[in-house]
Amino acid sequence: MHLGSYDSEPATVALMHEYAADNGYEIDITESRYHHEIYFSDARRVAQERLKTVIRIPITR
């Protein structure tokens, strides 16, 4: 789960890539497989520092 503005998501994604590599996984993004974002907050109503987003990245061993 990413907490904060959408502009700071790359740092969270970088941590996810590092965690996957440290645990023997490879990121499995292809032309037909992308990452997914699920937004739990309405950016029009919530302060940027309180936004909640689930970021899903496909992985493989």
Protein backbone atom coordinates (compact mmCIF):
# COMPACT_ATOMS: atom_id res chain seq x y z
CA MET A 1 0.00 0.00 0.00
CA HIS A 2 1.33 3.41 -0.98
CA LEU A 3 0.46 6.30 1.31
CA GLY A 4 0.86 9.82 -0.02
CA SER A 5 0.74 11.74 -3.27
CA TYR A 6 0.84 10.08 -6.65
CA ASP A 7 4.09 11.93 -7.37
CA SER A 8 5.89 9.91 -4.67
CA GLU A 9 4.77 6.50 -5.99
CA PRO A 10 8.06 5.83 -7.85
CA ALA A 11 9.88 5.55 -4.51
CA THR A 12 7.38 2.93 -3.33
CA VAL A 13 7.67 1.03 -6.60
CA ALA A 14 11.48 1.07 -6.29
CA LEU A 15 11.19 -0.45 -2.80
CA MET A 16 8.88 -3.13 -4.18
CA HIS A 17 11.38 -3.99 -6.94
CA GLU A 18 14.19 -4.18 -4.37
CA TYR A 19 12.14 -6.41 -2.07
CA ALA A 20 11.27 -8.75 -4.94
CA ALA A 21 14.92 -9.05 -6.02
CA ASP A 22 16.09 -9.66 -2.45
CA ASN A 23 13.60 -12.52 -2.12
CA GLY A 24 14.37 -14.31 -5.38
CA TYR A 25 11.63 -12.86 -7.59
CA GLU A 26 11.76 -11.05 -10.91
CA ILE A 27 9.39 -8.35 -12.04
CA ASP A 28 7.17 -9.84 -14.77
CA ILE A 29 6.03 -6.77 -16.71
CA THR A 30 5.63 -7.30 -20.45
CA GLU A 31 3.79 -5.64 -23.32
CA SER A 32 0.61 -7.38 -22.16
CA ARG A 33 1.23 -7.37 -18.38
CA TYR A 34 1.39 -4.08 -16.53
CA HIS A 35 1.27 -2.98 -12.93
CA HIS A 36 -2.13 -2.10 -11.47
CA GLU A 37 -3.14 0.68 -9.16
CA ILE A 38 -6.22 0.54 -6.96
CA TYR A 39 -7.20 3.93 -5.55
CA PHE A 40 -8.81 3.89 -2.10
CA SER A 41 -9.06 7.65 -1.78
CA ASP A 42 -10.75 10.32 -3.83
CA ALA A 43 -8.00 12.77 -4.80
CA ARG A 44 -10.59 15.55 -5.04
CA ARG A 45 -11.59 15.17 -1.38
CA VAL A 46 -8.52 13.92 0.50
CA ALA A 47 -5.28 15.76 1.25
CA GLN A 48 -2.40 14.43 -0.88
CA GLU A 49 -0.46 13.15 2.13
CA ARG A 50 -3.46 10.98 3.10
CA LEU A 51 -4.08 9.32 -0.28
CA LYS A 52 -4.06 5.51 -0.23
CA THR A 53 -3.18 3.43 -3.28
CA VAL A 54 -2.59 -0.31 -3.66
CA ILE A 55 0.12 -0.96 -6.24
CA ARG A 56 0.20 -4.48 -7.69
CA ILE A 57 3.24 -5.59 -9.67
CA PRO A 58 3.36 -9.01 -11.39
CA ILE A 59 6.32 -11.14 -10.33
CA THR A 60 7.78 -14.54 -11.16
CA ARG A 61 10.43 -16.79 -9.59
